[in-house]
Amino acid sequence: FESEIVAPDCFDPRRYAFSCGVAAHRFISAKTTKESGCGPCTDQKNISCLAIGGKNYCHDTSLIWWAFSQPIGNFLFRIVAVVVGYFLRCISTIVTVDVVSFRKHLSAMRSKGGPVNLI
């Protein structure tokens, strides 16, 4: 493939690819939300809102399949993940994580110099 179009010096292909991915995700999420009647987040405009569970959260797979397909964790850890997931479905409408706040907390933990373990 050849082209005579010259990209400006400030063009960042990684940032462009990321922006295309975000735009595609928002488009698909909005379309899926309208068709299914439930969505991964109560505020579709807020990209920092990440849904992780609840009655109104659209699950792509079963909790058991999800838990046992994770790369880290022993059998007991996976069973506890399934139980917590079902518990969240029973007691809440939607459970979300504020990704921006989570990233700030993670950066603060890293700046202290100690190891950062999420699990």
N, C-alpha and C. Protein backbone atom coordinates (compact mmCIF):
# COMPACT_ATOMS: atom_id res chain seq x y z
N PHE A 1 0.85 -1.18 0.00
CA PHE A 1 0.00 0.00 0.00
C PHE A 1 0.89 1.23 0.00
N GLU A 2 0.63 2.14 -0.88
CA GLU A 2 1.38 3.39 -0.95
C GLU A 2 0.41 4.55 -0.97
N SER A 3 0.85 5.66 -0.39
CA SER A 3 0.02 6.85 -0.33
C SER A 3 0.90 8.08 -0.44
N GLU A 4 0.34 9.13 -0.99
CA GLU A 4 1.07 10.39 -1.09
C GLU A 4 0.74 11.32 0.08
N ILE A 5 -0.13 10.89 0.96
CA ILE A 5 -0.50 11.69 2.12
C ILE A 5 0.65 11.66 3.11
N VAL A 6 1.03 12.84 3.58
CA VAL A 6 2.13 12.96 4.54
C VAL A 6 1.54 13.36 5.89
N ALA A 7 1.82 12.57 6.91
CA ALA A 7 1.32 12.88 8.24
C ALA A 7 2.13 14.01 8.85
N PRO A 8 1.51 14.89 9.63
CA PRO A 8 2.27 15.96 10.29
C PRO A 8 3.25 15.38 11.31
N ASP A 9 4.24 16.16 11.66
CA ASP A 9 5.27 15.70 12.60
C ASP A 9 4.70 15.39 13.97
N CYS A 10 3.63 16.07 14.35
CA CYS A 10 3.05 15.87 15.69
C CYS A 10 2.11 14.66 15.75
N PHE A 11 1.92 13.96 14.64
CA PHE A 11 1.00 12.82 14.59
C PHE A 11 1.56 11.65 15.40
N ASP A 12 0.75 11.15 16.33
CA ASP A 12 1.14 10.02 17.17
C ASP A 12 0.25 8.84 16.81
N PRO A 13 0.79 7.83 16.11
CA PRO A 13 -0.06 6.71 15.67
C PRO A 13 -0.67 5.92 16.82
N ARG A 14 0.04 5.80 17.94
CA ARG A 14 -0.52 5.06 19.08
C ARG A 14 -1.73 5.78 19.66
N ARG A 15 -1.60 7.10 19.79
CA ARG A 15 -2.72 7.88 20.33
C ARG A 15 -3.91 7.83 19.38
N TYR A 16 -3.64 7.89 18.07
CA TYR A 16 -4.71 7.81 17.08
C TYR A 16 -5.42 6.46 17.16
N ALA A 17 -4.64 5.38 17.26
CA ALA A 17 -5.24 4.05 17.36
C ALA A 17 -6.07 3.92 18.64
N PHE A 18 -5.56 4.48 19.74
CA PHE A 18 -6.29 4.44 21.00
C PHE A 18 -7.60 5.22 20.89
N SER A 19 -7.55 6.41 20.27
CA SER A 19 -8.76 7.22 20.09
C SER A 19 -9.79 6.50 19.23
N CYS A 20 -9.33 5.81 18.20
CA CYS A 20 -10.25 5.03 17.35
C CYS A 20 -10.89 3.90 18.16
N GLY A 21 -10.10 3.26 19.01
CA GLY A 21 -10.63 2.18 19.85
C GLY A 21 -11.67 2.69 20.83
N VAL A 22 -11.40 3.84 21.46
CA VAL A 22 -12.36 4.42 22.40
C VAL A 22 -13.65 4.81 21.68
N ALA A 23 -13.52 5.41 20.50
CA ALA A 23 -14.71 5.80 19.74
C ALA A 23 -15.53 4.57 19.34
N ALA A 24 -14.86 3.51 18.91
CA ALA A 24 -15.57 2.29 18.54
C ALA A 24 -16.26 1.67 19.75
N HIS A 25 -15.58 1.68 20.89
CA HIS A 25 -16.17 1.14 22.12
C HIS A 25 -17.42 1.92 22.51
N ARG A 26 -17.34 3.25 22.46
CA ARG A 26 -18.51 4.07 22.81
C ARG A 26 -19.66 3.82 21.85
N PHE A 27 -19.35 3.70 20.57
CA PHE A 27 -20.39 3.46 19.57
C PHE A 27 -21.07 2.11 19.81
N ILE A 28 -20.28 1.07 20.00
CA ILE A 28 -20.83 -0.27 20.22
C ILE A 28 -21.60 -0.31 21.54
N SER A 29 -21.06 0.32 22.59
CA SER A 29 -21.74 0.33 23.89
C SER A 29 -23.08 1.03 23.80
N ALA A 30 -23.13 2.15 23.10
CA ALA A 30 -24.39 2.87 22.97
C ALA A 30 -25.40 2.05 22.18
N LYS A 31 -24.96 1.39 21.13
CA LYS A 31 -25.84 0.55 20.31
C LYS A 31 -26.33 -0.65 21.11
N THR A 32 -25.45 -1.29 21.85
CA THR A 32 -25.81 -2.45 22.67
C THR A 32 -26.78 -2.04 23.76
N THR A 33 -26.55 -0.89 24.37
CA THR A 33 -27.42 -0.42 25.45
C THR A 33 -28.84 -0.20 24.94
N LYS A 34 -28.97 0.40 23.76
CA LYS A 34 -30.31 0.66 23.21
C LYS A 34 -31.02 -0.64 22.86
N GLU A 35 -30.28 -1.63 22.34
CA GLU A 35 -30.89 -2.87 21.91
C GLU A 35 -31.26 -3.78 23.07
N SER A 36 -30.40 -3.84 24.09
CA SER A 36 -30.63 -4.81 25.16
C SER A 36 -31.41 -4.24 26.33
N GLY A 37 -31.43 -2.92 26.46
CA GLY A 37 -32.16 -2.32 27.57
C GLY A 37 -31.36 -2.25 28.85
N CYS A 38 -30.15 -2.78 28.84
CA CYS A 38 -29.29 -2.64 30.01
C CYS A 38 -27.89 -2.27 29.52
N GLY A 39 -27.14 -1.63 30.36
CA GLY A 39 -25.83 -1.18 29.91
C GLY A 39 -24.78 -1.34 30.97
N PRO A 40 -23.52 -1.27 30.58
CA PRO A 40 -22.45 -1.44 31.53
C PRO A 40 -22.26 -0.26 32.46
N CYS A 41 -22.92 0.85 32.17
CA CYS A 41 -22.71 2.03 33.00
C CYS A 41 -23.95 2.91 32.95
N THR A 42 -24.25 3.56 34.04
CA THR A 42 -25.41 4.42 34.07
C THR A 42 -25.16 5.72 33.32
N ASP A 43 -23.92 6.13 33.16
CA ASP A 43 -23.57 7.36 32.46
C ASP A 43 -22.67 7.02 31.29
N GLN A 44 -23.23 6.88 30.09
CA GLN A 44 -22.47 6.47 28.92
C GLN A 44 -21.43 7.51 28.51
N LYS A 45 -21.63 8.77 28.86
CA LYS A 45 -20.68 9.82 28.49
C LYS A 45 -19.42 9.75 29.34
N ASN A 46 -19.50 9.14 30.52
CA ASN A 46 -18.38 9.09 31.44
C ASN A 46 -17.58 7.82 31.20
N ILE A 47 -16.46 7.93 30.52
CA ILE A 47 -15.65 6.76 30.18
C ILE A 47 -14.97 6.18 31.42
N SER A 48 -14.88 6.97 32.53
CA SER A 48 -14.21 6.47 33.72
C SER A 48 -15.11 5.57 34.56
N CYS A 49 -16.35 5.42 34.18
CA CYS A 49 -17.30 4.59 34.92
C CYS A 49 -17.24 3.16 34.38
N LEU A 50 -16.72 2.25 35.16
CA LEU A 50 -16.58 0.86 34.73
C LEU A 50 -17.47 -0.02 35.59
N ALA A 51 -18.45 -0.63 34.97
CA ALA A 51 -19.37 -1.50 35.70
C ALA A 51 -18.75 -2.87 35.91
N ILE A 52 -18.95 -3.43 37.10
CA ILE A 52 -18.39 -4.75 37.40
C ILE A 52 -19.44 -5.75 37.87
N GLY A 53 -20.67 -5.30 38.08
CA GLY A 53 -21.69 -6.25 38.52
C GLY A 53 -23.00 -5.57 38.83
N GLY A 54 -23.96 -6.37 39.29
CA GLY A 54 -25.28 -5.88 39.64
C GLY A 54 -26.35 -6.47 38.75
N LYS A 55 -27.62 -6.27 39.13
CA LYS A 55 -28.75 -6.81 38.38
C LYS A 55 -28.84 -6.25 36.97
N ASN A 56 -28.59 -4.96 36.80
CA ASN A 56 -28.74 -4.31 35.49
C ASN A 56 -27.47 -4.35 34.64
N TYR A 57 -26.44 -5.02 35.10
CA TYR A 57 -25.21 -5.13 34.32
C TYR A 57 -25.35 -6.30 33.35
N CYS A 58 -25.05 -6.04 32.08
CA CYS A 58 -25.15 -7.09 31.06
C CYS A 58 -23.92 -7.97 31.12
N HIS A 59 -24.09 -9.19 31.52
CA HIS A 59 -22.97 -10.13 31.62
C HIS A 59 -22.81 -10.85 30.30
N ASP A 60 -21.59 -10.82 29.75
CA ASP A 60 -21.33 -11.51 28.49
C ASP A 60 -21.24 -13.02 28.69
N THR A 61 -20.73 -13.43 29.84
CA THR A 61 -20.58 -14.85 30.15
C THR A 61 -21.09 -15.11 31.56
N SER A 62 -21.15 -16.37 31.93
CA SER A 62 -21.56 -16.69 33.29
C SER A 62 -20.43 -16.36 34.25
N LEU A 63 -20.78 -16.14 35.50
CA LEU A 63 -19.76 -15.82 36.50
C LEU A 63 -18.80 -16.97 36.71
N ILE A 64 -19.30 -18.18 36.63
CA ILE A 64 -18.43 -19.35 36.82
C ILE A 64 -17.40 -19.43 35.70
N TRP A 65 -17.85 -19.24 34.46
CA TRP A 65 -16.92 -19.27 33.32
C TRP A 65 -15.89 -18.16 33.46
N TRP A 66 -16.35 -16.94 33.84
CA TRP A 66 -15.43 -15.82 34.00
C TRP A 66 -14.39 -16.12 35.08
N ALA A 67 -14.83 -16.60 36.23
CA ALA A 67 -13.91 -16.85 37.34
C ALA A 67 -12.85 -17.89 36.99
N PHE A 68 -13.26 -18.94 36.32
CA PHE A 68 -12.29 -20.00 36.01
C PHE A 68 -11.46 -19.72 34.76
N SER A 69 -11.74 -18.62 34.06
CA SER A 69 -10.91 -18.26 32.92
C SER A 69 -9.88 -17.20 33.27
N GLN A 70 -9.86 -16.74 34.52
CA GLN A 70 -8.87 -15.74 34.94
C GLN A 70 -7.50 -16.39 35.07
N PRO A 71 -6.42 -15.63 34.73
CA PRO A 71 -5.09 -16.24 34.72
C PRO A 71 -4.47 -16.45 36.11
N ILE A 72 -4.95 -15.71 37.11
CA ILE A 72 -4.34 -15.80 38.44
C ILE A 72 -5.39 -16.20 39.46
N GLY A 73 -5.01 -17.08 40.38
CA GLY A 73 -5.91 -17.46 41.46
C GLY A 73 -6.09 -18.96 41.55
N ASN A 74 -6.13 -19.44 42.79
CA ASN A 74 -6.35 -20.87 43.00
C ASN A 74 -7.84 -21.18 43.00
N PHE A 75 -8.19 -22.43 43.22
CA PHE A 75 -9.58 -22.88 43.17
C PHE A 75 -10.45 -22.13 44.17
N LEU A 76 -9.99 -21.97 45.41
CA LEU A 76 -10.77 -21.30 46.44
C LEU A 76 -11.01 -19.83 46.07
N PHE A 77 -9.99 -19.17 45.57
CA PHE A 77 -10.12 -17.77 45.17
C PHE A 77 -11.18 -17.61 44.08
N ARG A 78 -11.21 -18.54 43.14
CA ARG A 78 -12.17 -18.48 42.04
C ARG A 78 -13.61 -18.72 42.54
N ILE A 79 -13.77 -19.65 43.47
CA ILE A 79 -15.10 -19.90 44.05
C ILE A 79 -15.59 -18.68 44.81
N VAL A 80 -14.69 -18.04 45.57
CA VAL A 80 -15.06 -16.82 46.29
C VAL A 80 -15.46 -15.73 45.31
N ALA A 81 -14.77 -15.61 44.17
CA ALA A 81 -15.13 -14.62 43.16
C ALA A 81 -16.54 -14.86 42.62
N VAL A 82 -16.90 -16.11 42.40
CA VAL A 82 -18.25 -16.43 41.92
C VAL A 82 -19.29 -16.06 42.97
N VAL A 83 -19.03 -16.40 44.22
CA VAL A 83 -19.97 -16.10 45.31
C VAL A 83 -20.15 -14.58 45.46
N VAL A 84 -19.05 -13.83 45.41
CA VAL A 84 -19.14 -12.37 45.51
C VAL A 84 -19.92 -11.80 44.33
N GLY A 85 -19.69 -12.33 43.13
CA GLY A 85 -20.43 -11.87 41.96
C GLY A 85 -21.92 -12.10 42.09
N TYR A 86 -22.32 -13.29 42.53
CA TYR A 86 -23.74 -13.56 42.73
C TYR A 86 -24.32 -12.70 43.85
N PHE A 87 -23.54 -12.45 44.89
CA PHE A 87 -23.97 -11.60 45.99
C PHE A 87 -24.21 -10.17 45.49
N LEU A 88 -23.31 -9.65 44.64
CA LEU A 88 -23.50 -8.31 44.08
C LEU A 88 -24.75 -8.24 43.22
N ARG A 89 -25.05 -9.30 42.49
CA ARG A 89 -26.28 -9.33 41.68
C ARG A 89 -27.52 -9.28 42.56
N CYS A 90 -27.45 -9.93 43.71
CA CYS A 90 -28.62 -10.01 44.59
C CYS A 90 -28.89 -8.71 45.33
N ILE A 91 -27.85 -7.95 45.69
CA ILE A 91 -28.05 -6.80 46.57
C ILE A 91 -27.99 -5.45 45.88
N SER A 92 -27.57 -5.38 44.62
CA SER A 92 -27.41 -4.07 44.00
C SER A 92 -27.94 -4.04 42.57
N THR A 93 -28.26 -2.85 42.11
CA THR A 93 -28.71 -2.66 40.75
C THR A 93 -27.52 -2.65 39.80
N ILE A 94 -26.50 -1.84 40.13
CA ILE A 94 -25.27 -1.81 39.34
C ILE A 94 -24.12 -1.41 40.25
N VAL A 95 -22.99 -2.05 40.06
CA VAL A 95 -21.79 -1.76 40.83
C VAL A 95 -20.74 -1.24 39.86
N THR A 96 -20.22 -0.03 40.14
CA THR A 96 -19.25 0.57 39.23
C THR A 96 -17.96 0.90 39.98
N VAL A 97 -16.90 1.06 39.21
CA VAL A 97 -15.60 1.48 39.73
C VAL A 97 -15.23 2.78 39.04
N ASP A 98 -14.80 3.77 39.82
CA ASP A 98 -14.31 5.03 39.26
C ASP A 98 -12.86 4.82 38.86
N VAL A 99 -12.61 4.64 37.57
CA VAL A 99 -11.29 4.28 37.08
C VAL A 99 -10.28 5.39 37.33
N VAL A 100 -10.69 6.65 37.20
CA VAL A 100 -9.78 7.77 37.41
C VAL A 100 -9.26 7.77 38.85
N SER A 101 -10.16 7.62 39.81
CA SER A 101 -9.75 7.59 41.22
C SER A 101 -8.87 6.37 41.50
N PHE A 102 -9.20 5.24 40.88
CA PHE A 102 -8.41 4.03 41.06
C PHE A 102 -6.99 4.23 40.55
N ARG A 103 -6.86 4.88 39.38
CA ARG A 103 -5.53 5.14 38.82
C ARG A 103 -4.73 6.10 39.70
N LYS A 104 -5.40 7.12 40.27
CA LYS A 104 -4.72 8.05 41.18
C LYS A 104 -4.22 7.31 42.41
N HIS A 105 -5.03 6.44 42.96
CA HIS A 105 -4.64 5.66 44.13
C HIS A 105 -3.46 4.74 43.80
N LEU A 106 -3.53 4.10 42.64
CA LEU A 106 -2.45 3.21 42.21
C LEU A 106 -1.15 3.98 42.03
N SER A 107 -1.22 5.18 41.44
CA SER A 107 -0.02 6.01 41.28
C SER A 107 0.55 6.43 42.62
N ALA A 108 -0.33 6.76 43.57
CA ALA A 108 0.14 7.14 44.91
C ALA A 108 0.83 5.97 45.60
N MET A 109 0.30 4.76 45.43
CA MET A 109 0.92 3.59 46.03
C MET A 109 2.28 3.30 45.39
N ARG A 110 2.37 3.48 44.06
CA ARG A 110 3.64 3.24 43.37
C ARG A 110 4.70 4.25 43.78
N SER A 111 4.27 5.50 44.03
CA SER A 111 5.24 6.54 44.39
C SER A 111 5.84 6.31 45.77
N LYS A 112 5.19 5.51 46.61
CA LYS A 112 5.73 5.20 47.93
C LYS A 112 6.88 4.22 47.85
N GLY A 113 7.05 3.60 46.71
CA GLY A 113 8.20 2.72 46.50
C GLY A 113 7.96 1.25 46.81
N GLY A 114 6.87 0.93 47.44
CA GLY A 114 6.58 -0.46 47.77
C GLY A 114 5.92 -1.17 46.61
N PRO A 115 5.84 -2.48 46.71
CA PRO A 115 5.17 -3.23 45.64
C PRO A 115 3.67 -2.96 45.64
N VAL A 116 3.09 -2.96 44.46
CA VAL A 116 1.65 -2.73 44.31
C VAL A 116 1.01 -4.05 43.87
N ASN A 117 0.17 -4.61 44.73
CA ASN A 117 -0.52 -5.84 44.42
C ASN A 117 -2.01 -5.56 44.41
N LEU A 118 -2.66 -5.86 43.30
CA LEU A 118 -4.09 -5.66 43.21
C LEU A 118 -4.86 -6.85 43.72
N ILE A 119 -4.25 -8.03 43.71
CA ILE A 119 -4.91 -9.24 44.19
C ILE A 119 -4.10 -9.78 45.35
